[in-house]
Amino acid sequence: MAEEVILLDFWPSPFGMRVRIALAEKGIAYDYKEEDLKNKSPLLLAMNPVHKKIPVLIHNGKPVCESLIAVQYIDEVWHDKSPLLPSNPYERAQARFWADYVDKKIYDLGRKIWSTKGEEQEAAKKEFVESLKLLEGELGDKPFFGGQAFGFVDVALVPFYSWFYAYETCGGFSIEAECPKLVAWAKRCLLRESVSKALPDPEKVHGFVLELKKKFGVE
């Protein structure tokens, strides 16, 4: 039976990038549908009636919502190539823990960096760098979070690298100066075609963030 795989997505979404990377790692052909989030398609509203958000993976007509859940689904369905989660239950639990940490911290703190100023922005920058340093500590001297092989935590975190330039420019700081090992890891991930093709140009993301700043009146 032919597989029908559709991804409802929005180009600067780090959450959508996760699903793009996972599908590319597995070599799955899919139909990419760009959503206008100001005017959401009937398909998006029908496939994700609860959150009405992208990304939504649609596999043979059935929707899978929330990016980390979609990545795990992809790993389970197409399990014969490029495993993303470790086979050991404890290691798998650890990978899920760190991916969940990325979900709880990075996007919201990054958003605060570009959407606030003054003391609030300084506090967000401090907590953002602390979170990245904690992740850098978990990475240690390994090439990837799970060890020698690119995997689940890498997929969860690396999309945010395309936003680093916007965070740095809006916040007036250098992530590489603070977290050199983490930036070296991101560059290592970018050597993979699955990552380099999924991540947009950081300057294009910065332009998108400047539009958001105007829209929200943050100058």
C-alpha atoms as a PDB file:
ATOM      1  CA  MET A   1       0.000   0.000   0.000  1.00  0.00           C
ATOM      2  CA  ALA A   2       1.310   3.451  -0.919  1.00  0.00           C
ATOM      3  CA  GLU A   3       1.947   5.625   2.105  1.00  0.00           C
ATOM      4  CA  GLU A   4       0.342   9.055   2.061  1.00  0.00           C
ATOM      5  CA  VAL A   5       2.285  11.462   4.264  1.00  0.00           C
ATOM      6  CA  ILE A   6       1.383  15.146   4.533  1.00  0.00           C
ATOM      7  CA  LEU A   7       2.979  17.769   6.793  1.00  0.00           C
ATOM      8  CA  LEU A   8       1.077  20.925   7.706  1.00  0.00           C
ATOM      9  CA  ASP A   9       3.778  23.361   8.708  1.00  0.00           C
ATOM     10  CA  PHE A  10       5.034  26.972   8.763  1.00  0.00           C
ATOM     11  CA  TRP A  11       8.586  27.619   7.565  1.00  0.00           C
ATOM     12  CA  PRO A  12      10.119  29.377  10.645  1.00  0.00           C
ATOM     13  CA  SER A  13       8.584  26.945  13.151  1.00  0.00           C
ATOM     14  CA  PRO A  14      11.294  25.082  15.093  1.00  0.00           C
ATOM     15  CA  PHE A  15       8.603  22.546  15.979  1.00  0.00           C
ATOM     16  CA  GLY A  16       7.844  21.916  12.318  1.00  0.00           C
ATOM     17  CA  MET A  17      11.577  21.639  11.610  1.00  0.00           C
ATOM     18  CA  ARG A  18      11.759  18.700  14.030  1.00  0.00           C
ATOM     19  CA  VAL A  19       9.240  16.745  11.976  1.00  0.00           C
ATOM     20  CA  ARG A  20      10.964  17.715   8.703  1.00  0.00           C
ATOM     21  CA  ILE A  21      14.297  16.421  10.058  1.00  0.00           C
ATOM     22  CA  ALA A  22      12.773  13.148  11.310  1.00  0.00           C
ATOM     23  CA  LEU A  23      11.061  12.462   7.975  1.00  0.00           C
ATOM     24  CA  ALA A  24      14.313  13.224   6.103  1.00  0.00           C
ATOM     25  CA  GLU A  25      16.334  10.949   8.402  1.00  0.00           C
ATOM     26  CA  LYS A  26      13.933   8.125   7.551  1.00  0.00           C
ATOM     27  CA  GLY A  27      13.946   8.957   3.842  1.00  0.00           C
ATOM     28  CA  ILE A  28      10.161   9.430   3.751  1.00  0.00           C
ATOM     29  CA  ALA A  29       8.662  11.341   0.824  1.00  0.00           C
ATOM     30  CA  TYR A  30       5.872  13.662   1.916  1.00  0.00           C
ATOM     31  CA  ASP A  31       3.660  16.479   0.757  1.00  0.00           C
ATOM     32  CA  TYR A  32       4.621  19.738   2.511  1.00  0.00           C
ATOM     33  CA  LYS A  33       1.760  22.189   2.971  1.00  0.00           C
ATOM     34  CA  GLU A  34       2.683  25.678   4.170  1.00  0.00           C
ATOM     35  CA  GLU A  35       0.022  27.133   6.483  1.00  0.00           C
ATOM     36  CA  ASP A  36      -0.965  30.779   6.765  1.00  0.00           C
ATOM     37  CA  LEU A  37      -1.385  31.015  10.538  1.00  0.00           C
ATOM     38  CA  LYS A  38      -3.507  34.165  10.220  1.00  0.00           C
ATOM     39  CA  ASN A  39      -5.873  32.258   7.962  1.00  0.00           C
ATOM     40  CA  LYS A  40      -5.678  28.595   8.960  1.00  0.00           C
ATOM     41  CA  SER A  41      -6.770  26.044   6.384  1.00  0.00           C
ATOM     42  CA  PRO A  42      -9.901  23.930   6.875  1.00  0.00           C
ATOM     43  CA  LEU A  43      -7.568  20.898   6.741  1.00  0.00           C
ATOM     44  CA  LEU A  44      -5.507  22.172   9.700  1.00  0.00           C
ATOM     45  CA  LEU A  45      -8.638  22.936  11.740  1.00  0.00           C
ATOM     46  CA  ALA A  46     -10.088  19.508  10.913  1.00  0.00           C
ATOM     47  CA  MET A  47      -6.857  17.631  11.668  1.00  0.00           C
ATOM     48  CA  ASN A  48      -5.941  19.479  14.875  1.00  0.00           C
ATOM     49  CA  PRO A  49      -9.258  20.680  16.331  1.00  0.00           C
ATOM     50  CA  VAL A  50      -7.897  20.766  19.900  1.00  0.00           C
ATOM     51  CA  HIS A  51      -4.872  23.080  19.533  1.00  0.00           C
ATOM     52  CA  LYS A  52      -5.381  24.344  15.950  1.00  0.00           C
ATOM     53  CA  LYS A  53      -1.571  24.526  15.666  1.00  0.00           C
ATOM     54  CA  ILE A  54       1.144  23.337  13.312  1.00  0.00           C
ATOM     55  CA  PRO A  55       2.929  21.036  12.801  1.00  0.00           C
ATOM     56  CA  VAL A  56       0.473  18.270  12.014  1.00  0.00           C
ATOM     57  CA  LEU A  57       1.692  15.038  10.475  1.00  0.00           C
ATOM     58  CA  ILE A  58      -1.045  13.291   8.477  1.00  0.00           C
ATOM     59  CA  HIS A  59      -0.287   9.631   7.758  1.00  0.00           C
ATOM     60  CA  ASN A  60      -2.816   7.861   5.521  1.00  0.00           C
ATOM     61  CA  GLY A  61      -5.474  10.357   6.566  1.00  0.00           C
ATOM     62  CA  LYS A  62      -4.801  10.129  10.310  1.00  0.00           C
ATOM     63  CA  PRO A  63      -3.373  13.167  12.134  1.00  0.00           C
ATOM     64  CA  VAL A  64      -0.548  13.148  14.676  1.00  0.00           C
ATOM     65  CA  CYS A  65      -0.182  16.454  16.542  1.00  0.00           C
ATOM     66  CA  GLU A  66       2.554  17.964  18.755  1.00  0.00           C
ATOM     67  CA  SER A  67       6.064  17.837  17.332  1.00  0.00           C
ATOM     68  CA  LEU A  68       7.818  15.487  19.772  1.00  0.00           C
ATOM     69  CA  ILE A  69       4.892  13.068  19.597  1.00  0.00           C
ATOM     70  CA  ALA A  70       5.074  13.203  15.786  1.00  0.00           C
ATOM     71  CA  VAL A  71       8.849  12.541  15.851  1.00  0.00           C
ATOM     72  CA  GLN A  72       8.328   9.516  18.124  1.00  0.00           C
ATOM     73  CA  TYR A  73       5.527   8.291  15.852  1.00  0.00           C
ATOM     74  CA  ILE A  74       7.811   8.565  12.799  1.00  0.00           C
ATOM     75  CA  ASP A  75      10.517   6.655  14.660  1.00  0.00           C
ATOM     76  CA  GLU A  76       8.094   3.861  15.594  1.00  0.00           C
ATOM     77  CA  VAL A  77       6.377   3.521  12.201  1.00  0.00           C
ATOM     78  CA  TRP A  78       9.560   3.639  10.104  1.00  0.00           C
ATOM     79  CA  HIS A  79      11.715   1.780  12.623  1.00  0.00           C
ATOM     80  CA  ASP A  80      13.940  -0.057  10.162  1.00  0.00           C
ATOM     81  CA  LYS A  81      16.085   2.974   9.269  1.00  0.00           C
ATOM     82  CA  SER A  82      18.017   5.627  11.285  1.00  0.00           C
ATOM     83  CA  PRO A  83      16.592   4.983  14.787  1.00  0.00           C
ATOM     84  CA  LEU A  84      16.127   8.263  16.666  1.00  0.00           C
ATOM     85  CA  LEU A  85      15.291   6.904  20.127  1.00  0.00           C
ATOM     86  CA  PRO A  86      17.631   4.438  21.870  1.00  0.00           C
ATOM     87  CA  SER A  87      16.511   0.823  22.230  1.00  0.00           C
ATOM     88  CA  ASN A  88      17.427   0.738  25.955  1.00  0.00           C
ATOM     89  CA  PRO A  89      14.365   1.807  28.049  1.00  0.00           C
ATOM     90  CA  TYR A  90      16.430   3.880  30.510  1.00  0.00           C
ATOM     91  CA  GLU A  91      18.319   5.685  27.744  1.00  0.00           C
ATOM     92  CA  ARG A  92      15.008   6.253  25.956  1.00  0.00           C
ATOM     93  CA  ALA A  93      13.548   7.791  29.134  1.00  0.00           C
ATOM     94  CA  GLN A  94      16.588  10.087  29.443  1.00  0.00           C
ATOM     95  CA  ALA A  95      16.249  11.203  25.827  1.00  0.00           C
ATOM     96  CA  ARG A  96      12.574  12.015  26.426  1.00  0.00           C
ATOM     97  CA  PHE A  97      13.491  13.914  29.603  1.00  0.00           C
ATOM     98  CA  TRP A  98      15.955  16.195  27.792  1.00  0.00           C
ATOM     99  CA  ALA A  99      13.652  16.723  24.804  1.00  0.00           C
ATOM    100  CA  ASP A 100      10.921  17.694  27.284  1.00  0.00           C
ATOM    101  CA  TYR A 101      13.381  20.099  28.967  1.00  0.00           C
ATOM    102  CA  VAL A 102      13.998  21.755  25.584  1.00  0.00           C
ATOM    103  CA  ASP A 103      10.215  22.078  25.134  1.00  0.00           C
ATOM    104  CA  LYS A 104       9.712  23.626  28.555  1.00  0.00           C
ATOM    105  CA  LYS A 105      12.538  26.170  28.318  1.00  0.00           C
ATOM    106  CA  ILE A 106      14.042  27.154  24.984  1.00  0.00           C
ATOM    107  CA  TYR A 107      11.137  28.504  22.924  1.00  0.00           C
ATOM    108  CA  ASP A 108       9.556  30.567  25.724  1.00  0.00           C
ATOM    109  CA  LEU A 109      12.855  32.046  26.923  1.00  0.00           C
ATOM    110  CA  GLY A 110      13.912  32.792  23.342  1.00  0.00           C
ATOM    111  CA  ARG A 111      10.589  34.518  22.761  1.00  0.00           C
ATOM    112  CA  LYS A 112      11.121  36.663  25.871  1.00  0.00           C
ATOM    113  CA  ILE A 113      14.521  37.760  24.541  1.00  0.00           C
ATOM    114  CA  TRP A 114      13.023  39.320  21.407  1.00  0.00           C
ATOM    115  CA  SER A 115       9.667  40.405  22.869  1.00  0.00           C
ATOM    116  CA  THR A 116      10.842  42.261  26.008  1.00  0.00           C
ATOM    117  CA  LYS A 117      13.443  44.843  26.949  1.00  0.00           C
ATOM    118  CA  GLY A 118      15.285  46.193  29.966  1.00  0.00           C
ATOM    119  CA  GLU A 119      15.354  44.103  33.138  1.00  0.00           C
ATOM    120  CA  GLU A 120      12.862  41.554  31.826  1.00  0.00           C
ATOM    121  CA  GLN A 121      15.021  40.904  28.749  1.00  0.00           C
ATOM    122  CA  GLU A 122      18.199  40.645  30.873  1.00  0.00           C
ATOM    123  CA  ALA A 123      16.529  38.070  33.133  1.00  0.00           C
ATOM    124  CA  ALA A 124      15.352  36.066  30.086  1.00  0.00           C
ATOM    125  CA  LYS A 125      18.843  36.159  28.554  1.00  0.00           C
ATOM    126  CA  LYS A 126      20.388  34.955  31.811  1.00  0.00           C
ATOM    127  CA  GLU A 127      17.934  32.057  32.159  1.00  0.00           C
ATOM    128  CA  PHE A 128      18.251  31.192  28.451  1.00  0.00           C
ATOM    129  CA  VAL A 129      22.056  30.943  28.694  1.00  0.00           C
ATOM    130  CA  GLU A 130      21.772  28.924  31.933  1.00  0.00           C
ATOM    131  CA  SER A 131      19.409  26.471  30.190  1.00  0.00           C
ATOM    132  CA  LEU A 132      21.783  26.120  27.237  1.00  0.00           C
ATOM    133  CA  LYS A 133      24.735  25.583  29.594  1.00  0.00           C
ATOM    134  CA  LEU A 134      22.810  22.818  31.331  1.00  0.00           C
ATOM    135  CA  LEU A 135      22.182  21.190  27.936  1.00  0.00           C
ATOM    136  CA  GLU A 136      25.845  21.683  27.068  1.00  0.00           C
ATOM    137  CA  GLY A 137      26.762  19.866  30.271  1.00  0.00           C
ATOM    138  CA  GLU A 138      24.506  16.971  29.300  1.00  0.00           C
ATOM    139  CA  LEU A 139      26.120  16.870  25.842  1.00  0.00           C
ATOM    140  CA  GLY A 140      29.589  16.770  27.430  1.00  0.00           C
ATOM    141  CA  ASP A 141      32.270  15.591  25.003  1.00  0.00           C
ATOM    142  CA  LYS A 142      29.904  13.376  23.004  1.00  0.00           C
ATOM    143  CA  PRO A 143      29.370  14.181  19.314  1.00  0.00           C
ATOM    144  CA  PHE A 144      25.586  14.004  19.799  1.00  0.00           C
ATOM    145  CA  PHE A 145      23.276  13.979  22.838  1.00  0.00           C
ATOM    146  CA  GLY A 146      22.693  10.229  22.614  1.00  0.00           C
ATOM    147  CA  GLY A 147      26.376   9.438  22.033  1.00  0.00           C
ATOM    148  CA  GLN A 148      27.878   8.600  18.648  1.00  0.00           C
ATOM    149  CA  ALA A 149      24.620   8.674  16.688  1.00  0.00           C
ATOM    150  CA  PHE A 150      22.347  11.611  15.820  1.00  0.00           C
ATOM    151  CA  GLY A 151      19.068  11.092  17.691  1.00  0.00           C
ATOM    152  CA  PHE A 152      15.935  12.328  19.442  1.00  0.00           C
ATOM    153  CA  VAL A 153      17.389  15.127  21.606  1.00  0.00           C
ATOM    154  CA  ASP A 154      19.394  16.453  18.661  1.00  0.00           C
ATOM    155  CA  VAL A 155      16.195  16.556  16.584  1.00  0.00           C
ATOM    156  CA  ALA A 156      14.379  18.347  19.438  1.00  0.00           C
ATOM    157  CA  LEU A 157      17.021  21.043  19.965  1.00  0.00           C
ATOM    158  CA  VAL A 158      18.850  21.736  16.700  1.00  0.00           C
ATOM    159  CA  PRO A 159      15.957  23.641  15.010  1.00  0.00           C
ATOM    160  CA  PHE A 160      16.425  26.440  17.546  1.00  0.00           C
ATOM    161  CA  TYR A 161      19.916  27.004  16.175  1.00  0.00           C
ATOM    162  CA  SER A 162      18.239  28.732  13.197  1.00  0.00           C
ATOM    163  CA  TRP A 163      16.799  31.227  15.709  1.00  0.00           C
ATOM    164  CA  PHE A 164      20.069  31.873  17.607  1.00  0.00           C
ATOM    165  CA  TYR A 165      21.071  34.763  15.338  1.00  0.00           C
ATOM    166  CA  ALA A 166      17.710  36.488  15.983  1.00  0.00           C
ATOM    167  CA  TYR A 167      18.031  35.964  19.749  1.00  0.00           C
ATOM    168  CA  GLU A 168      21.625  37.279  19.728  1.00  0.00           C
ATOM    169  CA  THR A 169      20.797  40.310  17.592  1.00  0.00           C
ATOM    170  CA  CYS A 170      17.703  41.240  19.608  1.00  0.00           C
ATOM    171  CA  GLY A 171      19.427  40.547  22.924  1.00  0.00           C
ATOM    172  CA  GLY A 172      22.887  41.929  22.164  1.00  0.00           C
ATOM    173  CA  PHE A 173      24.855  38.843  23.259  1.00  0.00           C
ATOM    174  CA  SER A 174      26.813  35.919  21.792  1.00  0.00           C
ATOM    175  CA  ILE A 175      25.611  32.349  22.345  1.00  0.00           C
ATOM    176  CA  GLU A 176      28.875  30.961  20.946  1.00  0.00           C
ATOM    177  CA  ALA A 177      30.904  32.932  23.503  1.00  0.00           C
ATOM    178  CA  GLU A 178      28.756  31.461  26.295  1.00  0.00           C
ATOM    179  CA  CYS A 179      28.271  27.920  24.941  1.00  0.00           C
ATOM    180  CA  PRO A 180      31.024  27.072  22.423  1.00  0.00           C
ATOM    181  CA  LYS A 181      30.525  23.287  22.670  1.00  0.00           C
ATOM    182  CA  LEU A 182      26.800  23.588  22.006  1.00  0.00           C
ATOM    183  CA  VAL A 183      27.380  25.731  18.915  1.00  0.00           C
ATOM    184  CA  ALA A 184      30.035  23.250  17.702  1.00  0.00           C
ATOM    185  CA  TRP A 185      27.432  20.474  18.176  1.00  0.00           C
ATOM    186  CA  ALA A 186      24.845  22.454  16.145  1.00  0.00           C
ATOM    187  CA  LYS A 187      27.354  22.929  13.322  1.00  0.00           C
ATOM    188  CA  ARG A 188      28.069  19.185  13.435  1.00  0.00           C
ATOM    189  CA  CYS A 189      24.319  18.500  13.086  1.00  0.00           C
ATOM    190  CA  LEU A 190      24.167  20.890  10.114  1.00  0.00           C
ATOM    191  CA  LEU A 191      26.582  18.645   8.217  1.00  0.00           C
ATOM    192  CA  ARG A 192      23.641  16.257   7.907  1.00  0.00           C
ATOM    193  CA  GLU A 193      21.488  16.926   4.877  1.00  0.00           C
ATOM    194  CA  SER A 194      18.339  16.200   6.920  1.00  0.00           C
ATOM    195  CA  VAL A 195      19.198  19.171   9.155  1.00  0.00           C
ATOM    196  CA  SER A 196      20.667  21.602   6.628  1.00  0.00           C
ATOM    197  CA  LYS A 197      17.608  21.254   4.366  1.00  0.00           C
ATOM    198  CA  ALA A 198      15.103  21.613   7.229  1.00  0.00           C
ATOM    199  CA  LEU A 199      16.620  24.713   8.877  1.00  0.00           C
ATOM    200  CA  PRO A 200      15.960  28.076   7.210  1.00  0.00           C
ATOM    201  CA  ASP A 201      18.587  30.799   6.831  1.00  0.00           C
ATOM    202  CA  PRO A 202      19.107  32.465  10.272  1.00  0.00           C
ATOM    203  CA  GLU A 203      18.947  35.926   8.649  1.00  0.00           C
ATOM    204  CA  LYS A 204      15.565  35.079   7.150  1.00  0.00           C
ATOM    205  CA  VAL A 205      14.367  33.990  10.629  1.00  0.00           C
ATOM    206  CA  HIS A 206      15.711  37.280  12.045  1.00  0.00           C
ATOM    207  CA  GLY A 207      13.673  39.176   9.417  1.00  0.00           C
ATOM    208  CA  PHE A 208      10.579  37.232  10.491  1.00  0.00           C
ATOM    209  CA  VAL A 209      11.279  38.095  14.163  1.00  0.00           C
ATOM    210  CA  LEU A 210      11.629  41.806  13.256  1.00  0.00           C
ATOM    211  CA  GLU A 211       8.170  41.621  11.645  1.00  0.00           C
ATOM    212  CA  LEU A 212       6.819  40.024  14.859  1.00  0.00           C
ATOM    213  CA  LYS A 213       8.418  42.791  16.942  1.00  0.00           C
ATOM    214  CA  LYS A 214       6.659  45.421  14.811  1.00  0.00           C
ATOM    215  CA  LYS A 215       3.374  43.560  15.044  1.00  0.00           C
ATOM    216  CA  PHE A 216       3.599  43.357  18.853  1.00  0.00           C
ATOM    217  CA  GLY A 217       4.946  46.916  19.172  1.00  0.00           C
ATOM    218  CA  VAL A 218       8.331  45.919  20.611  1.00  0.00           C
ATOM    219  CA  GLU A 219      10.913  48.376  19.304  1.00  0.00           C
END
